[in-house]
Amino acid sequence: MKEVAIVILNFNTQKFLADFLPSVCATNYQNYRIIVADNASTDNSVEFIKTHYPQVELIVLDQNYGFTGGYNKALAQVKSDYYVLLNSDVKVEPNWLNAIVTLAESSSKIAAIQPKILSYNTPTEFEYAGASGGFIDKYGFPYCRGRIFDTIETDNSQYNNAQPVFWCTGAALFIIANLYHEVGGLDADFFAHMEEIDLCWRLQNRGYEVWVCPNSVVYHVGGGTLQKENPKKTYYNFRNGLILLLKNLPKHKLVGIILIRLFLDHVAAYRFLFQGKFGDFKAIARAHMHFLFKFGYWKAKRNNSGNFDAYTNSLVYKKSIVWQYFKNKKDTFTKLLQ
């Protein structure tokens, strides 16, 4: 049986470790290890692990490298067949790994898988960051089966089929270890937010598939690092959304799609302004400035060994999710298919 390394990146989340590590340690799978990679926490996280969970391996990093850099630094030191990148604020069910490993071993094309993500605080609902599998529209706006923008559905088993998706959430991301390294891991320049979409897009550009496995269920608190209302989160989402497109779009689509995306971002910025959210307005302006100022740098990150075919597949919604949601009131995944 192949080994799974469950790697939890921690930064000052001792409370989450205390609350949710017991469920991870109770995982019913015969060959796994648990590793906490600490991003230079200033709370008592490291001592807490040493004292209460001696069976858990520790990787202590010398500074906070963010979500992306932290995982890259940690996983460079981990040799296993499979990785699971698991947030510290996730509770897992005992058999959560078995269905995922079975699915992964059913096809050599499958590179990454996510479980169904439900809300820890409201377990009958999907959780914002991933729900039952992620998709993007033609302009790179992400959405999920179970969540479009701020509309979150109740889980009535409507999305319980395992299927290919465009991206898997980084809150609970299972990935073939050698493929993680083959494509260069997470892009450390993202720091946080949208990095898992970039990783999954790069995998697909190399011909691999990413899937959701709803037979595996986990519960995510969400917002453990940055609350959704934090302008810093807005900055990363808008900046990284543009970098995502520049890195991964087919060459003939680059200019047109990015120009439209910039326009739509401006609309969003002024919507924030009219709502009195001046911090979010400034965050989008700063995101655009940093994207354009370093345009040549971001463009050089395009991986020319890929075929850039993922954008044309059936997992990319060929319309604008913004228009469908706000104008046509299509606020669920099922409605988008109608």
Protein backbone atom coordinates (compact mmCIF):
# COMPACT_ATOMS: atom_id res chain seq x y z
CA MET A 1 0.00 0.00 0.00
CA LYS A 2 1.40 3.37 -1.06
CA GLU A 3 2.28 5.92 1.60
CA VAL A 4 0.33 9.15 2.09
CA ALA A 5 2.01 12.11 3.78
CA ILE A 6 -0.59 14.41 5.33
CA VAL A 7 1.18 17.76 5.60
CA ILE A 8 -0.39 20.53 7.67
CA LEU A 9 1.13 23.97 7.22
CA ASN A 10 0.85 25.92 10.46
CA PHE A 11 1.29 29.56 11.34
CA ASN A 12 0.05 30.55 14.79
CA THR A 13 -2.92 28.17 14.72
CA GLN A 14 -2.32 26.17 17.90
CA LYS A 15 -6.06 26.29 18.67
CA PHE A 16 -6.92 24.66 15.35
CA LEU A 17 -4.26 22.01 15.87
CA ALA A 18 -5.73 21.23 19.28
CA ASP A 19 -9.25 21.05 17.86
CA PHE A 20 -8.65 19.13 14.63
CA LEU A 21 -5.46 17.06 14.89
CA PRO A 22 -7.35 14.35 16.83
CA SER A 23 -9.54 13.68 13.80
CA VAL A 24 -6.52 13.51 11.49
CA CYS A 25 -4.75 11.12 13.86
CA ALA A 26 -7.87 8.91 13.78
CA THR A 27 -7.62 8.48 10.00
CA ASN A 28 -8.50 4.91 9.05
CA TYR A 29 -5.83 4.23 6.43
CA GLN A 30 -3.03 1.72 6.83
CA ASN A 31 -0.01 3.66 5.55
CA TYR A 32 0.09 7.34 6.34
CA ARG A 33 2.18 9.83 8.25
CA ILE A 34 1.26 13.22 9.64
CA ILE A 35 3.65 16.14 9.33
CA VAL A 36 3.16 19.64 10.72
CA ALA A 37 5.27 22.18 8.84
CA ASP A 38 5.55 25.26 11.00
CA ASN A 39 5.94 28.62 9.24
CA ALA A 40 7.93 30.24 12.08
CA SER A 41 4.95 30.55 14.43
CA THR A 42 5.21 32.90 17.38
CA ASP A 43 2.60 31.09 19.46
CA ASN A 44 3.20 27.80 21.26
CA SER A 45 2.39 25.56 18.29
CA VAL A 46 5.72 23.75 18.06
CA GLU A 47 5.91 22.96 21.77
CA PHE A 48 2.28 21.90 21.71
CA ILE A 49 2.99 19.31 19.01
CA LYS A 50 6.13 18.06 20.74
CA THR A 51 4.30 17.66 24.03
CA HIS A 52 0.92 16.30 22.97
CA TYR A 53 1.57 14.63 19.58
CA PRO A 54 4.98 12.97 19.63
CA GLN A 55 3.82 10.71 16.78
CA VAL A 56 3.46 13.74 14.50
CA GLU A 57 6.56 14.75 12.55
CA LEU A 58 7.68 18.38 12.70
CA ILE A 59 9.33 20.54 10.09
CA VAL A 60 10.22 23.94 11.56
CA LEU A 61 10.87 26.64 8.96
CA ASP A 62 13.05 29.64 9.71
CA GLN A 63 10.51 32.26 8.62
CA ASN A 64 6.95 32.65 7.35
CA TYR A 65 7.11 31.71 3.67
CA GLY A 66 3.37 32.00 3.16
CA PHE A 67 1.14 29.16 2.02
CA THR A 68 2.96 28.57 -1.25
CA GLY A 69 6.57 28.97 -0.17
CA GLY A 70 5.93 27.16 3.11
CA TYR A 71 4.59 24.08 1.38
CA ASN A 72 7.37 24.08 -1.21
CA LYS A 73 10.02 24.28 1.51
CA ALA A 74 8.35 21.54 3.54
CA LEU A 75 7.54 19.12 0.73
CA ALA A 76 11.11 19.30 -0.56
CA GLN A 77 11.93 17.39 2.66
CA VAL A 78 9.10 14.83 2.42
CA LYS A 79 9.47 11.57 0.50
CA SER A 80 6.14 9.76 0.05
CA ASP A 81 3.99 8.45 -2.79
CA TYR A 82 1.16 10.89 -2.20
CA TYR A 83 0.83 14.24 -0.48
CA VAL A 84 -2.21 15.76 1.15
CA LEU A 85 -1.97 19.50 1.72
CA LEU A 86 -4.36 19.91 4.63
CA ASN A 87 -5.31 23.14 6.36
CA SER A 88 -5.03 23.19 10.13
CA ASP A 89 -8.71 24.19 10.42
CA VAL A 90 -10.06 21.02 8.77
CA LYS A 91 -11.80 18.14 10.52
CA VAL A 92 -11.72 14.85 8.62
CA GLU A 93 -13.89 11.75 8.77
CA PRO A 94 -12.13 8.46 9.66
CA ASN A 95 -12.36 6.94 6.15
CA TRP A 96 -11.68 10.13 4.21
CA LEU A 97 -8.45 8.89 2.60
CA ASN A 98 -9.59 5.49 1.35
CA ALA A 99 -11.96 6.68 -1.37
CA ILE A 100 -9.44 9.26 -2.59
CA VAL A 101 -6.58 6.76 -2.88
CA THR A 102 -8.86 4.28 -4.67
CA LEU A 103 -9.82 6.96 -7.18
CA ALA A 104 -6.20 8.07 -7.64
CA GLU A 105 -5.13 4.51 -8.43
CA SER A 106 -7.92 4.01 -10.98
CA SER A 107 -6.15 6.05 -13.68
CA SER A 108 -2.60 7.17 -14.39
CA LYS A 109 -4.01 10.44 -15.75
CA ILE A 110 -5.32 11.60 -12.35
CA ALA A 111 -2.86 13.96 -10.68
CA ALA A 112 -4.86 15.68 -7.95
CA ILE A 113 -8.10 15.10 -6.03
CA GLN A 114 -10.12 17.01 -3.46
CA PRO A 115 -12.78 15.66 -1.08
CA LYS A 116 -16.18 17.24 -0.65
CA ILE A 117 -15.70 20.28 1.59
CA LEU A 118 -18.51 21.09 4.01
CA SER A 119 -18.69 23.94 6.49
CA TYR A 120 -17.51 23.01 9.96
CA ASN A 121 -19.80 25.60 11.53
CA THR A 122 -22.80 24.69 9.36
CA PRO A 123 -22.25 21.07 8.30
CA THR A 124 -25.36 20.96 6.11
CA GLU A 125 -23.80 23.55 3.78
CA PHE A 126 -20.85 23.50 1.42
CA GLU A 127 -17.79 25.45 2.45
CA TYR A 128 -16.72 28.49 0.44
CA ALA A 129 -13.19 27.33 -0.40
CA GLY A 130 -13.76 24.33 -2.65
CA ALA A 131 -17.26 22.93 -1.99
CA SER A 132 -17.64 19.94 -4.34
CA GLY A 133 -15.01 20.85 -6.90
CA GLY A 134 -13.81 24.01 -8.63
CA PHE A 135 -14.27 25.51 -12.09
CA ILE A 136 -13.45 28.77 -13.88
CA ASP A 137 -15.24 30.83 -16.48
CA LYS A 138 -13.72 32.17 -19.71
CA TYR A 139 -12.27 35.18 -17.85
CA GLY A 140 -10.66 33.11 -15.11
CA PHE A 141 -13.23 33.78 -12.35
CA PRO A 142 -13.41 30.74 -10.06
CA TYR A 143 -16.55 29.11 -8.75
CA CYS A 144 -17.56 25.69 -7.39
CA ARG A 145 -20.21 23.03 -7.46
CA GLY A 146 -22.04 24.30 -4.41
CA ARG A 147 -20.72 27.89 -4.30
CA ILE A 148 -20.85 30.76 -6.77
CA PHE A 149 -19.42 34.04 -5.46
CA ASP A 150 -21.08 34.47 -2.04
CA THR A 151 -24.01 32.12 -2.67
CA ILE A 152 -23.42 28.86 -0.81
CA GLU A 153 -25.75 25.90 -1.31
CA THR A 154 -27.06 23.38 1.15
CA ASP A 155 -25.61 19.92 0.54
CA ASN A 156 -28.50 17.72 -0.57
CA SER A 157 -26.22 15.16 -2.26
CA GLN A 158 -26.78 17.00 -5.56
CA TYR A 159 -23.05 17.01 -6.31
CA ASN A 160 -22.09 13.57 -5.01
CA ASN A 161 -20.68 12.18 -8.25
CA ALA A 162 -16.93 11.92 -8.64
CA GLN A 163 -15.82 13.73 -11.79
CA PRO A 164 -13.04 15.81 -13.32
CA VAL A 165 -12.98 19.44 -12.19
CA PHE A 166 -10.81 22.37 -13.21
CA TRP A 167 -9.28 22.95 -9.79
CA CYS A 168 -9.09 21.39 -6.34
CA THR A 169 -9.10 23.41 -3.16
CA GLY A 170 -5.82 23.90 -1.31
CA ALA A 171 -7.66 23.34 1.97
CA ALA A 172 -7.51 19.56 1.41
CA LEU A 173 -5.51 18.81 -1.72
CA PHE A 174 -4.40 15.25 -2.49
CA ILE A 175 -1.69 15.10 -5.17
CA ILE A 176 0.70 12.57 -6.65
CA ALA A 177 4.01 13.52 -5.03
CA ASN A 178 6.28 13.19 -8.06
CA LEU A 179 3.86 15.25 -10.19
CA TYR A 180 3.86 18.02 -7.59
CA HIS A 181 7.60 18.35 -8.04
CA GLU A 182 7.50 17.72 -11.80
CA VAL A 183 5.42 20.86 -12.41
CA GLY A 184 7.40 22.93 -9.90
CA GLY A 185 5.00 22.81 -6.96
CA LEU A 186 3.03 25.84 -5.88
CA ASP A 187 4.11 29.20 -7.28
CA ALA A 188 5.74 30.95 -4.32
CA ASP A 189 5.08 34.37 -5.89
CA PHE A 190 1.36 33.88 -5.26
CA PHE A 191 2.12 33.75 -1.50
CA ALA A 192 -1.54 32.87 -0.80
CA HIS A 193 -4.84 32.61 -2.72
CA MET A 194 -5.46 31.19 -6.23
CA GLU A 195 -2.24 29.16 -6.01
CA GLU A 196 -4.09 25.83 -6.13
CA ILE A 197 -5.91 26.89 -9.31
CA ASP A 198 -2.58 27.74 -10.91
CA LEU A 199 -1.15 24.36 -9.89
CA CYS A 200 -4.16 22.46 -11.23
CA TRP A 201 -4.11 24.47 -14.47
CA ARG A 202 -0.44 23.65 -15.01
CA LEU A 203 -1.13 19.96 -14.39
CA GLN A 204 -3.90 20.02 -17.00
CA ASN A 205 -1.70 21.84 -19.49
CA ARG A 206 0.59 18.78 -19.21
CA GLY A 207 -2.25 16.39 -19.92
CA TYR A 208 -3.19 15.33 -16.39
CA GLU A 209 -6.62 15.43 -14.76
CA VAL A 210 -7.86 16.79 -11.44
CA TRP A 211 -10.93 15.33 -9.75
CA VAL A 212 -13.37 15.73 -6.90
CA CYS A 213 -14.20 12.68 -4.76
CA PRO A 214 -17.41 13.42 -2.82
CA ASN A 215 -17.31 10.00 -1.13
CA SER A 216 -14.59 11.59 0.97
CA VAL A 217 -15.91 14.32 3.26
CA VAL A 218 -14.09 16.91 5.37
CA TYR A 219 -15.24 19.96 7.32
CA HIS A 220 -13.48 23.31 6.94
CA VAL A 221 -13.73 26.31 9.26
CA GLY A 222 -12.38 28.71 6.63
CA GLY A 223 -10.90 32.17 7.01
CA GLY A 224 -8.38 30.94 9.56
CA THR A 225 -5.60 33.10 8.13
CA LEU A 226 -7.36 36.00 6.42
CA GLN A 227 -11.06 36.78 6.81
CA LYS A 228 -12.99 37.18 3.57
CA GLU A 229 -13.53 40.89 4.33
CA ASN A 230 -9.82 41.60 4.73
CA PRO A 231 -8.54 43.96 1.96
CA LYS A 232 -5.28 41.99 1.91
CA LYS A 233 -7.28 38.98 0.74
CA THR A 234 -8.87 41.16 -1.95
CA TYR A 235 -5.43 42.26 -3.08
CA TYR A 236 -4.10 38.72 -3.43
CA ASN A 237 -7.23 37.44 -5.15
CA PHE A 238 -7.26 40.17 -7.80
CA ARG A 239 -3.50 40.28 -8.37
CA ASN A 240 -3.15 36.51 -8.48
CA GLY A 241 -6.19 36.15 -10.72
CA LEU A 242 -4.39 38.19 -13.38
CA ILE A 243 -1.11 36.32 -12.92
CA LEU A 244 -3.04 33.07 -13.26
CA LEU A 245 -4.32 34.09 -16.69
CA LEU A 246 -0.98 35.41 -17.91
CA LYS A 247 0.81 32.21 -16.93
CA ASN A 248 -1.64 29.69 -18.33
CA LEU A 249 -3.79 31.05 -21.15
CA PRO A 250 -3.07 30.06 -24.77
CA LYS A 251 -1.02 32.79 -26.44
CA HIS A 252 -3.76 33.84 -28.86
CA LYS A 253 -6.15 34.44 -25.94
CA LEU A 254 -3.83 36.45 -23.70
CA VAL A 255 -4.42 40.07 -24.73
CA GLY A 256 -8.18 39.96 -25.21
CA ILE A 257 -8.99 38.01 -22.05
CA ILE A 258 -6.68 40.03 -19.80
CA LEU A 259 -8.01 43.36 -21.09
CA ILE A 260 -11.59 42.26 -20.40
CA ARG A 261 -10.57 40.95 -16.99
CA LEU A 262 -8.95 44.30 -16.14
CA PHE A 263 -12.17 46.06 -17.11
CA LEU A 264 -14.31 43.71 -14.99
CA ASP A 265 -11.93 44.23 -12.07
CA HIS A 266 -12.43 47.99 -12.41
CA VAL A 267 -16.19 47.47 -12.23
CA ALA A 268 -15.71 45.42 -9.07
CA ALA A 269 -13.46 48.13 -7.60
CA TYR A 270 -16.05 50.86 -8.05
CA ARG A 271 -18.74 48.55 -6.71
CA PHE A 272 -16.66 48.27 -3.53
CA LEU A 273 -16.25 52.04 -3.47
CA PHE A 274 -19.99 52.67 -3.73
CA GLN A 275 -20.50 50.18 -0.88
CA GLY A 276 -18.13 52.20 1.28
CA LYS A 277 -15.40 49.53 1.19
CA PHE A 278 -12.55 51.90 0.43
CA GLY A 279 -9.92 49.38 1.60
CA ASP A 280 -11.05 46.86 -1.02
CA PHE A 281 -11.12 49.59 -3.68
CA LYS A 282 -7.51 50.47 -2.91
CA ALA A 283 -6.56 46.79 -2.77
CA ILE A 284 -7.72 46.23 -6.37
CA ALA A 285 -5.90 49.37 -7.54
CA ARG A 286 -2.73 48.12 -5.84
CA ALA A 287 -3.20 44.64 -7.32
CA HIS A 288 -3.41 46.08 -10.84
CA MET A 289 -0.43 48.33 -10.28
CA HIS A 290 1.75 45.45 -9.09
CA PHE A 291 0.58 43.19 -11.91
CA LEU A 292 1.31 45.76 -14.62
CA PHE A 293 4.56 46.98 -13.05
CA LYS A 294 5.96 43.43 -13.06
CA PHE A 295 4.22 42.30 -16.25
CA GLY A 296 7.45 41.08 -17.86
CA TYR A 297 8.35 39.09 -14.75
CA TRP A 298 4.97 37.36 -14.60
CA LYS A 299 5.01 36.66 -18.34
CA ALA A 300 8.41 34.97 -18.04
CA LYS A 301 6.82 32.44 -15.69
CA ARG A 302 4.78 30.89 -18.50
CA ASN A 303 5.68 27.22 -18.76
CA ASN A 304 6.48 26.68 -22.41
CA SER A 305 6.76 22.92 -21.94
CA GLY A 306 2.97 22.76 -21.55
CA ASN A 307 0.46 22.70 -24.40
CA PHE A 308 -1.88 25.33 -22.91
CA ASP A 309 -4.82 23.13 -23.89
CA ALA A 310 -6.68 23.19 -20.56
CA TYR A 311 -8.46 26.47 -21.38
CA THR A 312 -10.28 24.82 -24.27
CA ASN A 313 -11.64 21.85 -22.34
CA SER A 314 -15.25 21.39 -21.27
CA LEU A 315 -14.46 22.31 -17.65
CA VAL A 316 -14.08 26.01 -18.56
CA TYR A 317 -17.43 27.80 -18.58
CA LYS A 318 -17.61 29.50 -21.96
CA LYS A 319 -19.66 32.45 -20.69
CA SER A 320 -19.11 35.14 -18.06
CA ILE A 321 -19.96 33.90 -14.58
CA VAL A 322 -20.22 37.56 -13.51
CA TRP A 323 -22.95 38.25 -16.08
CA GLN A 324 -24.78 35.00 -15.39
CA TYR A 325 -24.75 35.57 -11.62
CA PHE A 326 -25.54 39.27 -11.35
CA LYS A 327 -27.66 39.79 -14.47
CA ASN A 328 -29.33 36.41 -15.11
CA LYS A 329 -29.54 35.40 -11.42
CA LYS A 330 -27.94 32.01 -12.05
CA ASP A 331 -26.61 31.54 -8.55
CA THR A 332 -26.12 27.76 -8.44
CA PHE A 333 -24.02 25.35 -10.46
CA THR A 334 -27.15 23.50 -11.60
CA LYS A 335 -28.68 26.70 -12.98
CA LEU A 336 -25.54 27.38 -15.01
CA LEU A 337 -26.05 24.07 -16.82
CA GLN A 338 -29.62 24.95 -17.83
